Amino acid sequence: MRYVLAYLDYLLRHKVAVWQAGRRLGVSRWSLFWHDLDKLAPDSLLYYVNAYRFHRPVPPVAKLRHYRRT
């Protein structure tokens, strides 16, 4: 559970940074809201948490899911 919370903290900080940069560049709020939101989906969350926890690359299965959703 500790690693899930740590990853969620990281993801939230990432979304804030992307939001700020995107607004400066004129990207729509809708696009910025949906950016990386799929990483919270139950079928992807554990892949990303384990990659974050063990400092490993995200498995190709999770990357493929991410890019198909966006």
Protein backbone atom coordinates (compact mmCIF):
# COMPACT_ATOMS: atom_id res chain seq x y z
CA MET A 1 0.00 0.00 0.00
CA ARG A 2 2.88 2.34 0.76
CA TYR A 3 4.14 2.05 -2.81
CA VAL A 4 0.70 2.68 -4.27
CA LEU A 5 0.44 5.90 -2.28
CA ALA A 6 3.97 6.94 -3.24
CA TYR A 7 3.19 6.33 -6.92
CA LEU A 8 -0.08 8.26 -6.67
CA ASP A 9 1.81 11.16 -5.09
CA TYR A 10 4.30 11.08 -7.97
CA LEU A 11 1.52 10.90 -10.56
CA LEU A 12 -0.35 13.82 -9.00
CA ARG A 13 2.79 15.98 -8.98
CA HIS A 14 3.40 15.00 -12.62
CA LYS A 15 -0.16 15.95 -13.61
CA VAL A 16 0.20 19.35 -11.89
CA ALA A 17 3.46 20.05 -13.72
CA VAL A 18 1.96 18.96 -17.06
CA TRP A 19 -1.13 21.08 -16.40
CA GLN A 20 0.95 24.19 -15.72
CA ALA A 21 3.18 23.71 -18.75
CA GLY A 22 0.24 22.81 -20.97
CA ARG A 23 -1.72 25.91 -20.00
CA ARG A 24 1.30 28.09 -20.77
CA LEU A 25 1.44 26.45 -24.19
CA GLY A 26 -2.30 26.83 -24.79
CA VAL A 27 -3.26 23.15 -24.61
CA SER A 28 -6.95 22.59 -23.88
CA ARG A 29 -8.00 21.87 -20.33
CA TRP A 30 -9.82 18.74 -21.52
CA SER A 31 -6.64 17.25 -23.02
CA LEU A 32 -4.65 18.10 -19.91
CA PHE A 33 -7.28 16.56 -17.65
CA TRP A 34 -7.19 13.24 -19.54
CA HIS A 35 -3.39 13.19 -19.80
CA ASP A 36 -2.12 10.04 -18.02
CA LEU A 37 -5.45 9.47 -16.29
CA ASP A 38 -5.53 5.96 -17.74
CA LYS A 39 -2.58 5.07 -15.50
CA LEU A 40 -5.08 4.94 -12.63
CA ALA A 41 -7.13 2.21 -14.33
CA PRO A 42 -7.18 -1.04 -12.35
CA ASP A 43 -5.67 -3.04 -15.21
CA SER A 44 -2.66 -0.71 -15.46
CA LEU A 45 -2.11 0.66 -11.97
CA LEU A 46 -0.14 -2.29 -10.60
CA TYR A 47 2.19 -2.33 -13.62
CA TYR A 48 3.07 1.32 -13.01
CA VAL A 49 3.36 0.92 -9.23
CA ASN A 50 5.78 -1.99 -9.62
CA ALA A 51 7.84 -0.10 -12.19
CA TYR A 52 7.96 2.88 -9.81
CA ARG A 53 8.76 0.68 -6.80
CA PHE A 54 11.59 -1.30 -8.38
CA HIS A 55 12.94 1.49 -10.63
CA ARG A 56 12.36 -0.61 -13.73
CA PRO A 57 10.92 0.28 -17.11
CA VAL A 58 7.19 -0.09 -17.51
CA PRO A 59 6.36 -3.44 -19.14
CA PRO A 60 5.37 -3.29 -22.83
CA VAL A 61 1.87 -4.53 -21.98
CA ALA A 62 1.15 -1.43 -19.88
CA LYS A 63 2.74 0.90 -22.43
CA LEU A 64 0.61 -0.60 -25.17
CA ARG A 65 -2.53 -0.10 -23.10
CA HIS A 66 -1.51 3.49 -22.36
CA TYR A 67 -0.90 4.41 -25.99
CA ARG A 68 -4.08 2.71 -27.21
CA ARG A 69 -6.17 4.74 -24.78
CA THR A 70 -4.68 8.09 -25.65
